[in-house]
PDB file of N, CA and C in Angstrom:
ATOM      1  N   MET A   1      28.521  10.640  47.813  1.00  0.00           N
ATOM      2  CA  MET A   1      29.470  10.801  46.738  1.00  0.00           C
ATOM      3  C   MET A   1      28.722  10.838  45.408  1.00  0.00           C
ATOM      4  N   LYS A   2      29.231  11.672  44.526  1.00  0.00           N
ATOM      5  CA  LYS A   2      28.696  11.755  43.177  1.00  0.00           C
ATOM      6  C   LYS A   2      29.846  11.529  42.200  1.00  0.00           C
ATOM      7  N   LEU A   3      29.499  11.031  41.027  1.00  0.00           N
ATOM      8  CA  LEU A   3      30.458  10.937  39.927  1.00  0.00           C
ATOM      9  C   LEU A   3      30.055  11.952  38.877  1.00  0.00           C
ATOM     10  N   LYS A   4      31.019  12.733  38.431  1.00  0.00           N
ATOM     11  CA  LYS A   4      30.766  13.705  37.372  1.00  0.00           C
ATOM     12  C   LYS A   4      31.809  13.509  36.279  1.00  0.00           C
ATOM     13  N   THR A   5      31.457  13.867  35.063  1.00  0.00           N
ATOM     14  CA  THR A   5      32.403  13.869  33.954  1.00  0.00           C
ATOM     15  C   THR A   5      32.333  15.219  33.267  1.00  0.00           C
ATOM     16  N   ASP A   6      33.330  15.495  32.452  1.00  0.00           N
ATOM     17  CA  ASP A   6      33.304  16.736  31.684  1.00  0.00           C
ATOM     18  C   ASP A   6      33.828  16.509  30.269  1.00  0.00           C
ATOM     19  N   GLU A   7      33.867  17.576  29.504  1.00  0.00           N
ATOM     20  CA  GLU A   7      34.272  17.502  28.099  1.00  0.00           C
ATOM     21  C   GLU A   7      35.776  17.301  27.919  1.00  0.00           C
ATOM     22  N   PHE A   8      36.551  17.322  28.996  1.00  0.00           N
ATOM     23  CA  PHE A   8      38.002  17.161  28.910  1.00  0.00           C
ATOM     24  C   PHE A   8      38.445  15.746  29.252  1.00  0.00           C
ATOM     25  N   ASN A   9      37.516  14.792  29.189  1.00  0.00           N
ATOM     26  CA  ASN A   9      37.808  13.382  29.441  1.00  0.00           C
ATOM     27  C   ASN A   9      38.262  13.149  30.884  1.00  0.00           C
ATOM     28  N   ARG A  10      37.597  13.863  31.815  1.00  0.00           N
ATOM     29  CA  ARG A  10      37.888  13.711  33.236  1.00  0.00           C
ATOM     30  C   ARG A  10      36.678  13.129  33.948  1.00  0.00           C
ATOM     31  N   ILE A  11      36.943  12.374  35.004  1.00  0.00           N
ATOM     32  CA  ILE A  11      35.891  11.888  35.889  1.00  0.00           C
ATOM     33  C   ILE A  11      36.240  12.367  37.292  1.00  0.00           C
ATOM     34  N   PHE A  12      35.229  12.811  38.026  1.00  0.00           N
ATOM     35  CA  PHE A  12      35.419  13.389  39.351  1.00  0.00           C
ATOM     36  C   PHE A  12      34.657  12.570  40.390  1.00  0.00           C
ATOM     37  N   LEU A  13      35.313  12.220  41.483  1.00  0.00           N
ATOM     38  CA  LEU A  13      34.658  11.667  42.661  1.00  0.00           C
ATOM     39  C   LEU A  13      34.420  12.854  43.585  1.00  0.00           C
ATOM     40  N   VAL A  14      33.164  13.227  43.740  1.00  0.00           N
ATOM     41  CA  VAL A  14      32.811  14.453  44.458  1.00  0.00           C
ATOM     42  C   VAL A  14      32.180  14.080  45.796  1.00  0.00           C
ATOM     43  N   ASP A  15      32.680  14.678  46.877  1.00  0.00           N
ATOM     44  CA  ASP A  15      32.097  14.394  48.194  1.00  0.00           C
ATOM     45  C   ASP A  15      30.779  15.154  48.382  1.00  0.00           C
ATOM     46  N   ASP A  16      30.111  14.874  49.473  1.00  0.00           N
ATOM     47  CA  ASP A  16      28.792  15.455  49.734  1.00  0.00           C
ATOM     48  C   ASP A  16      28.836  16.712  50.601  1.00  0.00           C
ATOM     49  N   PHE A  17      30.003  17.284  50.782  1.00  0.00           N
ATOM     50  CA  PHE A  17      30.116  18.500  51.585  1.00  0.00           C
ATOM     51  C   PHE A  17      29.804  19.732  50.739  1.00  0.00           C
ATOM     52  N   LYS A  18      29.585  20.847  51.398  1.00  0.00           N
ATOM     53  CA  LYS A  18      29.318  22.110  50.716  1.00  0.00           C
ATOM     54  C   LYS A  18      30.247  23.153  51.281  1.00  0.00           C
ATOM     55  N   PRO A  19      31.165  23.784  50.597  1.00  0.00           N
ATOM     56  CA  PRO A  19      31.464  23.498  49.201  1.00  0.00           C
ATOM     57  C   PRO A  19      32.162  22.143  49.076  1.00  0.00           C
ATOM     58  N   TYR A  20      31.979  21.506  47.932  1.00  0.00           N
ATOM     59  CA  TYR A  20      32.495  20.151  47.760  1.00  0.00           C
ATOM     60  C   TYR A  20      34.000  20.137  47.493  1.00  0.00           C
ATOM     61  N   GLY A  21      34.578  18.987  47.745  1.00  0.00           N
ATOM     62  CA  GLY A  21      35.940  18.670  47.338  1.00  0.00           C
ATOM     63  C   GLY A  21      35.845  17.490  46.381  1.00  0.00           C
ATOM     64  N   ALA A  22      36.837  17.305  45.532  1.00  0.00           N
ATOM     65  CA  ALA A  22      36.773  16.221  44.556  1.00  0.00           C
ATOM     66  C   ALA A  22      38.165  15.729  44.205  1.00  0.00           C
ATOM     67  N   ILE A  23      38.220  14.470  43.822  1.00  0.00           N
ATOM     68  CA  ILE A  23      39.416  13.884  43.241  1.00  0.00           C
ATOM     69  C   ILE A  23      39.122  13.723  41.758  1.00  0.00           C
ATOM     70  N   ALA A  24      40.020  14.225  40.923  1.00  0.00           N
ATOM     71  CA  ALA A  24      39.841  14.180  39.473  1.00  0.00           C
ATOM     72  C   ALA A  24      40.789  13.156  38.862  1.00  0.00           C
ATOM     73  N   PHE A  25      40.257  12.402  37.914  1.00  0.00           N
ATOM     74  CA  PHE A  25      41.037  11.451  37.134  1.00  0.00           C
ATOM     75  C   PHE A  25      40.921  11.885  35.681  1.00  0.00           C
ATOM     76  N   GLN A  26      42.057  12.122  35.044  1.00  0.00           N
ATOM     77  CA  GLN A  26      42.030  12.514  33.642  1.00  0.00           C
ATOM     78  C   GLN A  26      42.761  11.467  32.811  1.00  0.00           C
ATOM     79  N   LYS A  27      42.042  10.906  31.834  1.00  0.00           N
ATOM     80  CA  LYS A  27      42.622   9.907  30.945  1.00  0.00           C
ATOM     81  C   LYS A  27      43.167  10.612  29.708  1.00  0.00           C
ATOM     82  N   HIS A  28      44.426  10.328  29.390  1.00  0.00           N
ATOM     83  CA  HIS A  28      45.074  10.942  28.237  1.00  0.00           C
ATOM     84  C   HIS A  28      45.034   9.992  27.038  1.00  0.00           C
ATOM     85  N   LYS A  29      45.215  10.531  25.858  1.00  0.00           N
ATOM     86  CA  LYS A  29      45.149   9.747  24.622  1.00  0.00           C
ATOM     87  C   LYS A  29      46.166   8.602  24.599  1.00  0.00           C
ATOM     88  N   ASP A  30      47.291   8.771  25.284  1.00  0.00           N
ATOM     89  CA  ASP A  30      48.317   7.719  25.298  1.00  0.00           C
ATOM     90  C   ASP A  30      48.049   6.642  26.347  1.00  0.00           C
ATOM     91  N   GLY A  31      46.903   6.731  27.040  1.00  0.00           N
ATOM     92  CA  GLY A  31      46.523   5.725  28.031  1.00  0.00           C
ATOM     93  C   GLY A  31      46.960   6.055  29.443  1.00  0.00           C
ATOM     94  N   THR A  32      47.792   7.078  29.613  1.00  0.00           N
ATOM     95  CA  THR A  32      48.198   7.455  30.958  1.00  0.00           C
ATOM     96  C   THR A  32      47.072   8.212  31.655  1.00  0.00           C
ATOM     97  N   ALA A  33      47.212   8.367  32.965  1.00  0.00           N
ATOM     98  CA  ALA A  33      46.183   9.055  33.743  1.00  0.00           C
ATOM     99  C   ALA A  33      46.827  10.034  34.709  1.00  0.00           C
ATOM    100  N   SER A  34      46.192  11.183  34.862  1.00  0.00           N
ATOM    101  CA  SER A  34      46.579  12.164  35.874  1.00  0.00           C
ATOM    102  C   SER A  34      45.527  12.140  36.970  1.00  0.00           C
ATOM    103  N   VAL A  35      45.963  12.253  38.210  1.00  0.00           N
ATOM    104  CA  VAL A  35      45.052  12.281  39.353  1.00  0.00           C
ATOM    105  C   VAL A  35      45.407  13.508  40.180  1.00  0.00           C
ATOM    106  N   TYR A  36      44.386  14.293  40.525  1.00  0.00           N
ATOM    107  CA  TYR A  36      44.635  15.491  41.315  1.00  0.00           C
ATOM    108  C   TYR A  36      43.382  15.883  42.083  1.00  0.00           C
ATOM    109  N   GLN A  37      43.545  16.810  43.000  1.00  0.00           N
ATOM    110  CA  GLN A  37      42.445  17.287  43.823  1.00  0.00           C
ATOM    111  C   GLN A  37      41.925  18.605  43.272  1.00  0.00           C
ATOM    112  N   THR A  38      40.614  18.809  43.391  1.00  0.00           N
ATOM    113  CA  THR A  38      39.993  20.066  43.012  1.00  0.00           C
ATOM    114  C   THR A  38      38.886  20.384  44.014  1.00  0.00           C
ATOM    115  N   ALA A  39      38.224  21.516  43.846  1.00  0.00           N
ATOM    116  CA  ALA A  39      37.218  21.945  44.813  1.00  0.00           C
ATOM    117  C   ALA A  39      36.181  22.840  44.155  1.00  0.00           C
ATOM    118  N   GLU A  40      35.033  22.956  44.804  1.00  0.00           N
ATOM    119  CA  GLU A  40      33.971  23.842  44.331  1.00  0.00           C
ATOM    120  C   GLU A  40      34.299  25.304  44.626  1.00  0.00           C
ATOM    121  N   ASP A  41      34.873  25.564  45.797  1.00  0.00           N
ATOM    122  CA  ASP A  41      35.238  26.920  46.182  1.00  0.00           C
ATOM    123  C   ASP A  41      36.252  27.468  45.180  1.00  0.00           C
ATOM    124  N   GLU A  42      35.943  28.589  44.554  1.00  0.00           N
ATOM    125  CA  GLU A  42      36.774  29.131  43.475  1.00  0.00           C
ATOM    126  C   GLU A  42      38.193  29.463  43.919  1.00  0.00           C
ATOM    127  N   VAL A  43      38.359  30.025  45.105  1.00  0.00           N
ATOM    128  CA  VAL A  43      39.702  30.367  45.596  1.00  0.00           C
ATOM    129  C   VAL A  43      40.527  29.093  45.759  1.00  0.00           C
ATOM    130  N   THR A  44      39.939  28.086  46.381  1.00  0.00           N
ATOM    131  CA  THR A  44      40.633  26.814  46.583  1.00  0.00           C
ATOM    132  C   THR A  44      40.907  26.132  45.252  1.00  0.00           C
ATOM    133  N   LYS A  45      39.916  26.134  44.375  1.00  0.00           N
ATOM    134  CA  LYS A  45      40.061  25.511  43.058  1.00  0.00           C
ATOM    135  C   LYS A  45      41.226  26.134  42.285  1.00  0.00           C
ATOM    136  N   HIS A  46      41.290  27.463  42.259  1.00  0.00           N
ATOM    137  CA  HIS A  46      42.371  28.141  41.546  1.00  0.00           C
ATOM    138  C   HIS A  46      43.723  27.897  42.209  1.00  0.00           C
ATOM    139  N   ALA A  47      43.734  27.791  43.533  1.00  0.00           N
ATOM    140  CA  ALA A  47      44.991  27.491  44.230  1.00  0.00           C
ATOM    141  C   ALA A  47      45.502  26.117  43.803  1.00  0.00           C
ATOM    142  N   PHE A  48      44.610  25.124  43.757  1.00  0.00           N
ATOM    143  CA  PHE A  48      45.009  23.790  43.292  1.00  0.00           C
ATOM    144  C   PHE A  48      45.502  23.854  41.853  1.00  0.00           C
ATOM    145  N   GLU A  49      44.769  24.538  40.977  1.00  0.00           N
ATOM    146  CA  GLU A  49      45.143  24.622  39.562  1.00  0.00           C
ATOM    147  C   GLU A  49      46.488  25.305  39.380  1.00  0.00           C
ATOM    148  N   ASN A  50      46.768  26.316  40.177  1.00  0.00           N
ATOM    149  CA  ASN A  50      48.026  27.040  40.057  1.00  0.00           C
ATOM    150  C   ASN A  50      49.231  26.233  40.526  1.00  0.00           C
ATOM    151  N   LEU A  51      48.983  25.157  41.267  1.00  0.00           N
ATOM    152  CA  LEU A  51      50.078  24.287  41.690  1.00  0.00           C
ATOM    153  C   LEU A  51      50.612  23.447  40.533  1.00  0.00           C
ATOM    154  N   TYR A  52      49.777  23.213  39.534  1.00  0.00           N
ATOM    155  CA  TYR A  52      50.131  22.340  38.409  1.00  0.00           C
ATOM    156  C   TYR A  52      50.717  21.032  38.924  1.00  0.00           C
ATOM    157  N   GLU A  53      50.075  20.487  39.913  1.00  0.00           N
ATOM    158  CA  GLU A  53      50.557  19.284  40.566  1.00  0.00           C
ATOM    159  C   GLU A  53      49.555  18.163  40.385  1.00  0.00           C
ATOM    160  N   SER A  54      50.034  17.030  39.923  1.00  0.00           N
ATOM    161  CA  SER A  54      49.194  15.848  39.808  1.00  0.00           C
ATOM    162  C   SER A  54      50.086  14.622  39.930  1.00  0.00           C
ATOM    163  N   ALA A  55      49.459  13.499  40.178  1.00  0.00           N
ATOM    164  CA  ALA A  55      50.169  12.225  40.149  1.00  0.00           C
ATOM    165  C   ALA A  55      49.918  11.614  38.776  1.00  0.00           C
ATOM    166  N   GLU A  56      50.965  11.091  38.153  1.00  0.00           N
ATOM    167  CA  GLU A  56      50.862  10.541  36.801  1.00  0.00           C
ATOM    168  C   GLU A  56      51.080   9.032  36.855  1.00  0.00           C
ATOM    169  N   PHE A  57      50.194   8.294  36.177  1.00  0.00           N
ATOM    170  CA  PHE A  57      50.256   6.836  36.184  1.00  0.00           C
ATOM    171  C   PHE A  57      50.062   6.279  34.785  1.00  0.00           C
ATOM    172  N   SER A  58      50.678   5.131  34.534  1.00  0.00           N
ATOM    173  CA  SER A  58      50.390   4.410  33.305  1.00  0.00           C
ATOM    174  C   SER A  58      49.019   3.751  33.459  1.00  0.00           C
ATOM    175  N   ARG A  59      48.474   3.278  32.360  1.00  0.00           N
ATOM    176  CA  ARG A  59      47.171   2.595  32.397  1.00  0.00           C
ATOM    177  C   ARG A  59      47.213   1.422  33.384  1.00  0.00           C
ATOM    178  N   GLU A  60      48.256   0.619  33.315  1.00  0.00           N
ATOM    179  CA  GLU A  60      48.377  -0.550  34.187  1.00  0.00           C
ATOM    180  C   GLU A  60      48.506  -0.141  35.653  1.00  0.00           C
ATOM    181  N   GLU A  61      49.285   0.901  35.906  1.00  0.00           N
ATOM    182  CA  GLU A  61      49.477   1.357  37.287  1.00  0.00           C
ATOM    183  C   GLU A  61      48.180   1.855  37.907  1.00  0.00           C
ATOM    184  N   ILE A  62      47.396   2.646  37.166  1.00  0.00           N
ATOM    185  CA  ILE A  62      46.159   3.186  37.738  1.00  0.00           C
ATOM    186  C   ILE A  62      45.160   2.071  38.013  1.00  0.00           C
ATOM    187  N   ILE A  63      45.079   1.101  37.109  1.00  0.00           N
ATOM    188  CA  ILE A  63      44.158  -0.026  37.322  1.00  0.00           C
ATOM    189  C   ILE A  63      44.587  -0.838  38.534  1.00  0.00           C
ATOM    190  N   GLU A  64      45.859  -1.176  38.610  1.00  0.00           N
ATOM    191  CA  GLU A  64      46.365  -1.964  39.740  1.00  0.00           C
ATOM    192  C   GLU A  64      46.215  -1.194  41.057  1.00  0.00           C
ATOM    193  N   GLY A  65      46.549   0.092  41.041  1.00  0.00           N
ATOM    194  CA  GLY A  65      46.452   0.893  42.256  1.00  0.00           C
ATOM    195  C   GLY A  65      45.031   1.044  42.757  1.00  0.00           C
ATOM    196  N   LEU A  66      44.105   1.319  41.847  1.00  0.00           N
ATOM    197  CA  LEU A  66      42.703   1.460  42.260  1.00  0.00           C
ATOM    198  C   LEU A  66      42.145   0.134  42.758  1.00  0.00           C
ATOM    199  N   GLN A  67      42.566  -0.978  42.163  1.00  0.00           N
ATOM    200  CA  GLN A  67      42.118  -2.286  42.648  1.00  0.00           C
ATOM    201  C   GLN A  67      42.623  -2.536  44.066  1.00  0.00           C
ATOM    202  N   LYS A  68      43.851  -2.115  44.363  1.00  0.00           N
ATOM    203  CA  LYS A  68      44.393  -2.264  45.718  1.00  0.00           C
ATOM    204  C   LYS A  68      43.625  -1.397  46.713  1.00  0.00           C
ATOM    205  N   VAL A  69      43.225  -0.200  46.297  1.00  0.00           N
ATOM    206  CA  VAL A  69      42.414   0.670  47.163  1.00  0.00           C
ATOM    207  C   VAL A  69      41.078  -0.003  47.451  1.00  0.00           C
ATOM    208  N   ILE A  70      40.433  -0.545  46.423  1.00  0.00           N
ATOM    209  CA  ILE A  70      39.157  -1.243  46.595  1.00  0.00           C
ATOM    210  C   ILE A  70      39.325  -2.407  47.561  1.00  0.00           C
ATOM    211  N   ASP A  71      40.348  -3.228  47.346  1.00  0.00           N
ATOM    212  CA  ASP A  71      40.594  -4.382  48.216  1.00  0.00           C
ATOM    213  C   ASP A  71      40.840  -3.947  49.650  1.00  0.00           C
ATOM    214  N   PHE A  72      41.586  -2.855  49.844  1.00  0.00           N
ATOM    215  CA  PHE A  72      41.885  -2.333  51.171  1.00  0.00           C
ATOM    216  C   PHE A  72      40.600  -1.998  51.924  1.00  0.00           C
ATOM    217  N   PHE A  73      39.673  -1.325  51.272  1.00  0.00           N
ATOM    218  CA  PHE A  73      38.442  -0.928  51.943  1.00  0.00           C
ATOM    219  C   PHE A  73      37.473  -2.090  52.115  1.00  0.00           C
ATOM    220  N   LYS A  74      37.565  -3.103  51.288  1.00  0.00           N
ATOM    221  CA  LYS A  74      36.697  -4.271  51.431  1.00  0.00           C
ATOM    222  C   LYS A  74      37.179  -5.215  52.537  1.00  0.00           C
ATOM    223  N   GLU A  75      38.445  -5.104  52.930  1.00  0.00           N
ATOM    224  CA  GLU A  75      39.019  -5.983  53.955  1.00  0.00           C
ATOM    225  C   GLU A  75      38.230  -5.978  55.239  1.00  0.00           C
ATOM    226  N   ASN A  76      37.713  -4.848  55.650  1.00  0.00           N
ATOM    227  CA  ASN A  76      37.053  -4.713  56.951  1.00  0.00           C
ATOM    228  C   ASN A  76      35.544  -4.811  56.886  1.00  0.00           C
ATOM    229  N   GLU A  77      35.009  -5.338  55.815  1.00  0.00           N
ATOM    230  CA  GLU A  77      33.544  -5.453  55.712  1.00  0.00           C
ATOM    231  C   GLU A  77      33.047  -6.598  56.558  1.00  0.00           C
TER     232      GLU A  77
END
């Protein structure tokens, strides 16, 4: 996994496959966050972008949700 950022205030969790897939987190000025999937393959990337689909969370929701994901994966260590 790699972490990437861009000039649009987004952070990407990128897998190690070729072409890669990624989960994007975009932080907005009001503190909310959008989460969506993207890809390296241009056809797939444009298909995702044309959906205009993302999950929207408040600052508190994204922090709490990501902490629950972390805890979930740490349970079986």
